[in-house]
């Protein structure tokens, strides 16, 4: 059974270890709204929403390899929707996941539309060979 919950501050070390095992170096902070998915009691996926320079950035979507392609990423994104509905949001996902993020209302955005700090982050990712793109989710009307 899949359970998804907001991570409490006392659980952040567990999330940091999960991220480290996944090879994700973006970290985690008590200032983030972090969601953890547990499948049958095992931590299987994490995503976080970060307020960076006054904008919401969806970051750190990671699903453990043994749990991929089971709808966990989709379920994590669905749990983010109430927070994402509060305003515009950005993400820099791998380009092969455009459809998944599109299901949560994100649309490809031209790099020149990004806030400056995200434009720099995107340029760094691309320079390192990562196949990512900019996506934006508009605030609901």
N, C-alpha and C. Protein backbone atom coordinates (compact mmCIF):
# COMPACT_ATOMS: atom_id res chain seq x y z
N UNK A 1 0.83 -1.17 0.00
CA UNK A 1 0.00 0.00 0.00
C UNK A 1 0.88 1.25 0.00
N UNK A 2 0.48 2.27 -0.78
CA UNK A 2 1.25 3.50 -0.90
C UNK A 2 0.69 4.55 0.05
N UNK A 3 1.57 5.12 0.87
CA UNK A 3 1.22 6.21 1.76
C UNK A 3 2.12 7.40 1.42
N UNK A 4 1.52 8.58 1.35
CA UNK A 4 2.28 9.80 1.10
C UNK A 4 1.95 10.79 2.20
N UNK A 5 2.98 11.40 2.77
CA UNK A 5 2.79 12.35 3.86
C UNK A 5 3.83 13.46 3.77
N UNK A 6 3.49 14.59 4.38
CA UNK A 6 4.45 15.68 4.52
C UNK A 6 5.50 15.24 5.54
N UNK A 7 6.74 15.45 5.20
CA UNK A 7 7.86 15.06 6.07
C UNK A 7 7.98 16.06 7.22
N UNK A 8 8.11 15.53 8.42
CA UNK A 8 8.30 16.36 9.61
C UNK A 8 9.79 16.64 9.80
N UNK A 9 10.14 17.74 10.45
CA UNK A 9 11.55 18.12 10.61
C UNK A 9 12.44 17.00 11.17
N UNK A 10 11.93 16.21 12.07
CA UNK A 10 12.73 15.13 12.65
C UNK A 10 13.05 14.00 11.69
N UNK A 11 12.42 14.00 10.51
CA UNK A 11 12.64 12.95 9.51
C UNK A 11 13.56 13.38 8.38
N UNK A 12 14.07 14.62 8.44
CA UNK A 12 14.86 15.15 7.33
C UNK A 12 16.15 14.38 7.09
N UNK A 13 16.76 13.84 8.15
CA UNK A 13 18.00 13.07 7.96
C UNK A 13 17.72 11.83 7.12
N UNK A 14 16.56 11.21 7.32
CA UNK A 14 16.17 10.04 6.53
C UNK A 14 16.00 10.42 5.05
N UNK A 15 15.42 11.59 4.81
CA UNK A 15 15.24 12.05 3.44
C UNK A 15 16.59 12.38 2.81
N UNK A 16 17.47 13.01 3.56
CA UNK A 16 18.81 13.33 3.06
C UNK A 16 19.54 12.05 2.68
N UNK A 17 19.41 11.00 3.48
CA UNK A 17 20.05 9.71 3.16
C UNK A 17 19.46 9.11 1.90
N UNK A 18 18.14 9.22 1.74
CA UNK A 18 17.47 8.72 0.53
C UNK A 18 18.02 9.45 -0.70
N UNK A 19 18.10 10.79 -0.59
CA UNK A 19 18.63 11.58 -1.69
C UNK A 19 20.07 11.20 -2.00
N UNK A 20 20.87 11.01 -0.98
CA UNK A 20 22.27 10.65 -1.20
C UNK A 20 22.36 9.31 -1.93
N UNK A 21 21.57 8.35 -1.53
CA UNK A 21 21.57 7.03 -2.18
C UNK A 21 21.12 7.14 -3.64
N UNK A 22 20.25 8.12 -3.93
CA UNK A 22 19.76 8.31 -5.29
C UNK A 22 20.73 9.12 -6.14
N UNK A 23 21.78 9.68 -5.52
CA UNK A 23 22.73 10.50 -6.25
C UNK A 23 22.25 11.93 -6.46
N UNK A 24 21.26 12.34 -5.71
CA UNK A 24 20.73 13.69 -5.82
C UNK A 24 21.43 14.58 -4.80
N UNK A 25 21.97 15.69 -5.27
CA UNK A 25 22.76 16.56 -4.39
C UNK A 25 22.08 17.85 -4.01
N UNK A 26 20.78 17.99 -4.26
CA UNK A 26 20.10 19.25 -4.00
C UNK A 26 19.78 19.52 -2.55
N UNK A 27 19.93 18.51 -1.70
CA UNK A 27 19.68 18.69 -0.27
C UNK A 27 18.22 18.75 0.08
N UNK A 28 17.96 19.01 1.36
CA UNK A 28 16.61 19.14 1.88
C UNK A 28 16.68 20.07 3.08
N UNK A 29 15.61 20.83 3.29
CA UNK A 29 15.60 21.83 4.35
C UNK A 29 14.26 21.82 5.06
N UNK A 30 14.27 22.20 6.31
CA UNK A 30 13.03 22.33 7.06
C UNK A 30 12.13 23.42 6.47
N UNK A 31 12.70 24.33 5.68
CA UNK A 31 11.92 25.39 5.04
C UNK A 31 11.13 24.86 3.84
N UNK A 32 11.49 23.69 3.34
CA UNK A 32 10.79 23.08 2.20
C UNK A 32 9.53 22.37 2.68
N UNK A 33 8.57 22.22 1.79
CA UNK A 33 7.46 21.30 2.01
C UNK A 33 7.87 20.02 1.28
N UNK A 34 8.20 19.01 2.05
CA UNK A 34 8.73 17.77 1.48
C UNK A 34 7.70 16.66 1.67
N UNK A 35 7.46 15.93 0.59
CA UNK A 35 6.55 14.79 0.62
C UNK A 35 7.35 13.51 0.47
N UNK A 36 7.02 12.52 1.28
CA UNK A 36 7.65 11.20 1.18
C UNK A 36 6.59 10.16 0.87
N UNK A 37 6.91 9.29 -0.05
CA UNK A 37 6.04 8.17 -0.39
C UNK A 37 6.65 6.91 0.20
N UNK A 38 5.83 6.13 0.86
CA UNK A 38 6.26 4.85 1.42
C UNK A 38 5.38 3.75 0.85
N UNK A 39 6.01 2.77 0.28
CA UNK A 39 5.30 1.61 -0.26
C UNK A 39 5.52 0.47 0.71
N UNK A 40 4.43 0.02 1.31
CA UNK A 40 4.50 -1.06 2.30
C UNK A 40 5.54 -0.76 3.38
N UNK A 41 5.56 0.50 3.82
CA UNK A 41 6.45 0.91 4.90
C UNK A 41 7.87 1.26 4.49
N UNK A 42 8.22 1.10 3.21
CA UNK A 42 9.56 1.42 2.73
C UNK A 42 9.55 2.75 2.00
N UNK A 43 10.48 3.63 2.35
CA UNK A 43 10.60 4.91 1.67
C UNK A 43 10.89 4.65 0.20
N UNK A 44 9.99 5.12 -0.66
CA UNK A 44 10.11 4.80 -2.08
C UNK A 44 10.26 6.02 -2.97
N UNK A 45 9.87 7.20 -2.48
CA UNK A 45 9.99 8.40 -3.30
C UNK A 45 9.88 9.66 -2.47
N UNK A 46 10.43 10.74 -3.01
CA UNK A 46 10.45 12.04 -2.32
C UNK A 46 10.34 13.14 -3.37
N UNK A 47 9.67 14.21 -2.99
CA UNK A 47 9.66 15.45 -3.78
C UNK A 47 9.52 16.59 -2.79
N UNK A 48 10.02 17.76 -3.18
CA UNK A 48 9.88 18.90 -2.29
C UNK A 48 9.52 20.15 -3.06
N UNK A 49 8.84 21.05 -2.35
CA UNK A 49 8.48 22.35 -2.88
C UNK A 49 9.27 23.38 -2.10
N UNK A 50 10.00 24.21 -2.81
CA UNK A 50 10.91 25.18 -2.20
C UNK A 50 10.49 26.59 -2.59
N UNK A 51 10.47 27.48 -1.63
CA UNK A 51 10.28 28.89 -1.91
C UNK A 51 11.67 29.47 -2.11
N UNK A 52 11.98 29.78 -3.37
CA UNK A 52 13.29 30.32 -3.71
C UNK A 52 13.12 31.68 -4.36
N UNK A 53 13.67 32.69 -3.75
CA UNK A 53 13.60 34.05 -4.30
C UNK A 53 12.15 34.46 -4.60
N UNK A 54 11.24 34.00 -3.76
CA UNK A 54 9.85 34.40 -3.89
C UNK A 54 9.02 33.61 -4.88
N UNK A 55 9.59 32.56 -5.46
CA UNK A 55 8.81 31.70 -6.35
C UNK A 55 8.88 30.25 -5.85
N UNK A 56 7.86 29.48 -6.18
CA UNK A 56 7.83 28.08 -5.79
C UNK A 56 8.54 27.25 -6.86
N UNK A 57 9.45 26.39 -6.41
CA UNK A 57 10.18 25.52 -7.31
C UNK A 57 9.97 24.08 -6.83
N UNK A 58 9.46 23.25 -7.72
CA UNK A 58 9.33 21.84 -7.43
C UNK A 58 10.69 21.22 -7.70
N UNK A 59 11.26 20.55 -6.69
CA UNK A 59 12.63 20.03 -6.79
C UNK A 59 12.73 18.64 -6.21
N UNK A 60 13.77 17.97 -6.60
CA UNK A 60 14.17 16.73 -5.95
C UNK A 60 13.22 15.56 -6.10
N UNK A 61 12.47 15.50 -7.20
CA UNK A 61 11.60 14.35 -7.42
C UNK A 61 12.49 13.14 -7.67
N UNK A 62 12.45 12.21 -6.73
CA UNK A 62 13.25 10.99 -6.84
C UNK A 62 12.39 9.81 -6.42
N UNK A 63 12.41 8.77 -7.22
CA UNK A 63 11.75 7.51 -6.89
C UNK A 63 12.83 6.43 -6.94
N UNK A 64 12.90 5.63 -5.90
CA UNK A 64 13.90 4.56 -5.84
C UNK A 64 13.72 3.63 -7.04
N UNK A 65 14.83 3.18 -7.63
CA UNK A 65 14.73 2.37 -8.85
C UNK A 65 13.77 1.18 -8.76
N UNK A 66 13.76 0.51 -7.62
CA UNK A 66 12.90 -0.67 -7.51
C UNK A 66 11.42 -0.32 -7.44
N UNK A 67 11.10 0.97 -7.30
CA UNK A 67 9.71 1.40 -7.22
C UNK A 67 9.27 2.22 -8.43
N UNK A 68 10.17 2.41 -9.40
CA UNK A 68 9.82 3.21 -10.57
C UNK A 68 8.80 2.48 -11.44
N UNK A 69 8.06 3.29 -12.19
CA UNK A 69 7.02 2.81 -13.11
C UNK A 69 5.86 2.13 -12.39
N UNK A 70 5.60 2.60 -11.16
CA UNK A 70 4.48 2.08 -10.38
C UNK A 70 3.52 3.20 -9.98
N UNK A 71 3.69 4.39 -10.56
CA UNK A 71 2.79 5.50 -10.29
C UNK A 71 3.15 6.33 -9.07
N UNK A 72 4.31 6.08 -8.49
CA UNK A 72 4.69 6.81 -7.28
C UNK A 72 4.99 8.28 -7.58
N UNK A 73 5.71 8.54 -8.65
CA UNK A 73 5.98 9.93 -9.03
C UNK A 73 4.69 10.68 -9.31
N UNK A 74 3.78 10.05 -10.00
CA UNK A 74 2.48 10.65 -10.31
C UNK A 74 1.71 10.95 -9.01
N UNK A 75 1.74 10.01 -8.08
CA UNK A 75 1.05 10.21 -6.80
C UNK A 75 1.70 11.34 -5.99
N UNK A 76 3.03 11.41 -6.00
CA UNK A 76 3.71 12.50 -5.30
C UNK A 76 3.31 13.85 -5.89
N UNK A 77 3.29 13.93 -7.22
CA UNK A 77 2.89 15.19 -7.86
C UNK A 77 1.46 15.55 -7.50
N UNK A 78 0.58 14.58 -7.45
CA UNK A 78 -0.82 14.84 -7.10
C UNK A 78 -0.92 15.44 -5.70
N UNK A 79 -0.07 14.98 -4.78
CA UNK A 79 -0.08 15.53 -3.42
C UNK A 79 0.46 16.96 -3.37
N UNK A 80 1.21 17.37 -4.37
CA UNK A 80 1.75 18.73 -4.42
C UNK A 80 0.72 19.74 -4.91
N UNK A 81 -0.32 19.29 -5.60
CA UNK A 81 -1.27 20.19 -6.26
C UNK A 81 -1.84 21.25 -5.32
N UNK A 82 -2.32 20.92 -4.12
CA UNK A 82 -2.86 22.00 -3.27
C UNK A 82 -1.85 23.11 -2.99
N UNK A 83 -0.59 22.78 -2.85
CA UNK A 83 0.45 23.79 -2.63
C UNK A 83 0.75 24.54 -3.93
N UNK A 84 0.76 23.82 -5.03
CA UNK A 84 1.04 24.44 -6.32
C UNK A 84 -0.09 25.38 -6.74
N UNK A 85 -1.29 25.10 -6.28
CA UNK A 85 -2.43 25.95 -6.63
C UNK A 85 -2.36 27.33 -5.99
N UNK A 86 -1.40 27.56 -5.12
CA UNK A 86 -1.29 28.85 -4.43
C UNK A 86 -0.63 29.93 -5.28
N UNK A 87 0.00 29.52 -6.38
CA UNK A 87 0.66 30.51 -7.24
C UNK A 87 1.44 29.82 -8.35
N UNK A 88 2.11 30.61 -9.13
CA UNK A 88 2.93 30.06 -10.21
C UNK A 88 4.07 29.23 -9.63
N UNK A 89 4.49 28.22 -10.37
CA UNK A 89 5.58 27.36 -9.92
C UNK A 89 6.44 26.96 -11.12
N UNK A 90 7.65 26.57 -10.82
CA UNK A 90 8.63 26.18 -11.83
C UNK A 90 9.21 24.81 -11.48
N UNK A 91 9.72 24.13 -12.50
CA UNK A 91 10.53 22.93 -12.27
C UNK A 91 11.47 22.76 -13.46
N UNK A 92 12.53 21.98 -13.23
CA UNK A 92 13.53 21.72 -14.26
C UNK A 92 13.68 20.20 -14.39
N UNK A 93 12.67 19.51 -14.92
CA UNK A 93 12.72 18.05 -14.96
C UNK A 93 13.52 17.53 -16.15
N UNK A 94 13.85 16.24 -16.06
CA UNK A 94 14.45 15.56 -17.20
C UNK A 94 13.46 15.62 -18.36
N UNK A 95 13.99 15.80 -19.57
CA UNK A 95 13.11 16.03 -20.72
C UNK A 95 12.19 14.85 -21.03
N UNK A 96 12.56 13.64 -20.64
CA UNK A 96 11.69 12.49 -20.92
C UNK A 96 10.48 12.43 -19.97
N UNK A 97 10.43 13.32 -18.98
CA UNK A 97 9.33 13.34 -18.02
C UNK A 97 8.35 14.49 -18.25
N UNK A 98 8.44 15.12 -19.42
CA UNK A 98 7.57 16.25 -19.74
C UNK A 98 6.10 15.88 -19.58
N UNK A 99 5.71 14.72 -20.06
CA UNK A 99 4.32 14.29 -19.97
C UNK A 99 3.85 14.14 -18.54
N UNK A 100 4.69 13.55 -17.70
CA UNK A 100 4.34 13.37 -16.29
C UNK A 100 4.09 14.71 -15.61
N UNK A 101 5.01 15.64 -15.78
CA UNK A 101 4.85 16.96 -15.17
C UNK A 101 3.69 17.72 -15.81
N UNK A 102 3.45 17.47 -17.09
CA UNK A 102 2.30 18.07 -17.77
C UNK A 102 0.99 17.66 -17.14
N UNK A 103 0.91 16.43 -16.65
CA UNK A 103 -0.30 15.97 -15.97
C UNK A 103 -0.60 16.79 -14.72
N UNK A 104 0.42 17.40 -14.14
CA UNK A 104 0.25 18.23 -12.94
C UNK A 104 0.10 19.71 -13.32
N UNK A 105 -0.04 19.99 -14.61
CA UNK A 105 -0.28 21.36 -15.05
C UNK A 105 0.95 22.14 -15.47
N UNK A 106 2.12 21.51 -15.46
CA UNK A 106 3.33 22.20 -15.90
C UNK A 106 3.39 22.19 -17.42
N UNK A 107 3.88 23.28 -17.99
CA UNK A 107 4.04 23.39 -19.44
C UNK A 107 5.47 23.83 -19.73
N UNK A 108 6.04 23.34 -20.85
CA UNK A 108 7.38 23.80 -21.21
C UNK A 108 7.43 25.32 -21.30
N UNK A 109 8.52 25.87 -20.83
CA UNK A 109 8.70 27.32 -20.82
C UNK A 109 10.03 27.65 -21.49
N UNK A 110 10.07 28.73 -22.23
CA UNK A 110 11.35 29.12 -22.83
C UNK A 110 12.34 29.52 -21.73
N UNK A 111 13.60 29.15 -21.89
CA UNK A 111 14.59 29.48 -20.86
C UNK A 111 14.65 30.97 -20.51
N UNK A 112 14.36 31.83 -21.48
CA UNK A 112 14.44 33.27 -21.19
C UNK A 112 13.27 33.76 -20.33
N UNK A 113 12.27 32.90 -20.08
CA UNK A 113 11.15 33.26 -19.21
C UNK A 113 11.44 32.93 -17.75
N UNK A 114 12.52 32.21 -17.50
CA UNK A 114 12.86 31.79 -16.14
C UNK A 114 13.34 32.96 -15.28
N UNK A 115 13.06 32.89 -13.98
CA UNK A 115 13.74 33.83 -13.08
C UNK A 115 15.25 33.62 -13.21
N UNK A 116 16.02 34.65 -12.99
CA UNK A 116 17.48 34.61 -13.23
C UNK A 116 18.15 33.45 -12.51
N UNK A 117 17.80 33.19 -11.25
CA UNK A 117 18.48 32.12 -10.51
C UNK A 117 18.19 30.75 -11.13
N UNK A 118 16.98 30.57 -11.68
CA UNK A 118 16.66 29.29 -12.32
C UNK A 118 17.31 29.18 -13.70
N UNK A 119 17.44 30.31 -14.37
CA UNK A 119 18.14 30.31 -15.65
C UNK A 119 19.59 29.87 -15.47
N UNK A 120 20.23 30.36 -14.42
CA UNK A 120 21.60 29.95 -14.12
C UNK A 120 21.67 28.47 -13.76
N UNK A 121 20.71 27.99 -12.98
CA UNK A 121 20.68 26.58 -12.59
C UNK A 121 20.49 25.70 -13.83
N UNK A 122 19.55 26.09 -14.70
CA UNK A 122 19.31 25.33 -15.93
C UNK A 122 20.56 25.29 -16.79
N UNK A 123 21.23 26.42 -16.95
CA UNK A 123 22.46 26.47 -17.75
C UNK A 123 23.51 25.52 -17.19
N UNK A 124 23.63 25.49 -15.86
CA UNK A 124 24.59 24.58 -15.23
C UNK A 124 24.25 23.12 -15.47
N UNK A 125 22.97 22.78 -15.35
CA UNK A 125 22.54 21.40 -15.61
C UNK A 125 22.84 21.01 -17.05
N UNK A 126 22.50 21.90 -17.99
CA UNK A 126 22.73 21.60 -19.40
C UNK A 126 24.22 21.48 -19.71
N UNK A 127 25.03 22.35 -19.10
CA UNK A 127 26.47 22.31 -19.32
C UNK A 127 27.08 21.01 -18.80
N UNK A 128 26.46 20.42 -17.78
CA UNK A 128 26.97 19.16 -17.23
C UNK A 128 26.44 17.93 -18.00
N UNK A 129 25.65 18.20 -19.05
CA UNK A 129 25.17 17.10 -19.88
C UNK A 129 23.81 16.56 -19.49
N UNK A 130 23.18 17.16 -18.49
CA UNK A 130 21.86 16.68 -18.10
C UNK A 130 20.82 17.12 -19.14
N UNK A 131 19.90 16.23 -19.44
CA UNK A 131 18.86 16.50 -20.42
C UNK A 131 17.60 16.97 -19.67
N UNK A 132 17.58 18.25 -19.36
CA UNK A 132 16.48 18.84 -18.61
C UNK A 132 15.90 20.00 -19.40
N UNK A 133 14.73 20.44 -18.99
CA UNK A 133 14.12 21.60 -19.61
C UNK A 133 13.36 22.38 -18.55
N UNK A 134 13.01 23.59 -18.90
CA UNK A 134 12.25 24.45 -17.99
C UNK A 134 10.76 24.22 -18.20
N UNK A 135 10.03 24.12 -17.07
CA UNK A 135 8.58 24.01 -17.12
C UNK A 135 7.97 24.95 -16.09
N UNK A 136 6.81 25.49 -16.43
CA UNK A 136 6.12 26.44 -15.55
C UNK A 136 4.68 25.99 -15.38
N UNK A 137 4.19 26.18 -14.19
CA UNK A 137 2.77 25.93 -13.89
C UNK A 137 2.18 27.25 -13.46
N UNK A 138 1.19 27.71 -14.22
CA UNK A 138 0.57 28.99 -13.91
C UNK A 138 -0.35 28.86 -12.71
N UNK A 139 -0.54 29.97 -12.04
CA UNK A 139 -1.49 30.02 -10.93
C UNK A 139 -2.90 29.81 -11.49
N UNK A 140 -3.74 29.05 -10.79
CA UNK A 140 -5.10 28.87 -11.27
C UNK A 140 -5.84 30.20 -11.32
N UNK A 141 -6.73 30.30 -12.27
CA UNK A 141 -7.49 31.56 -12.43
C UNK A 141 -8.55 31.69 -11.35
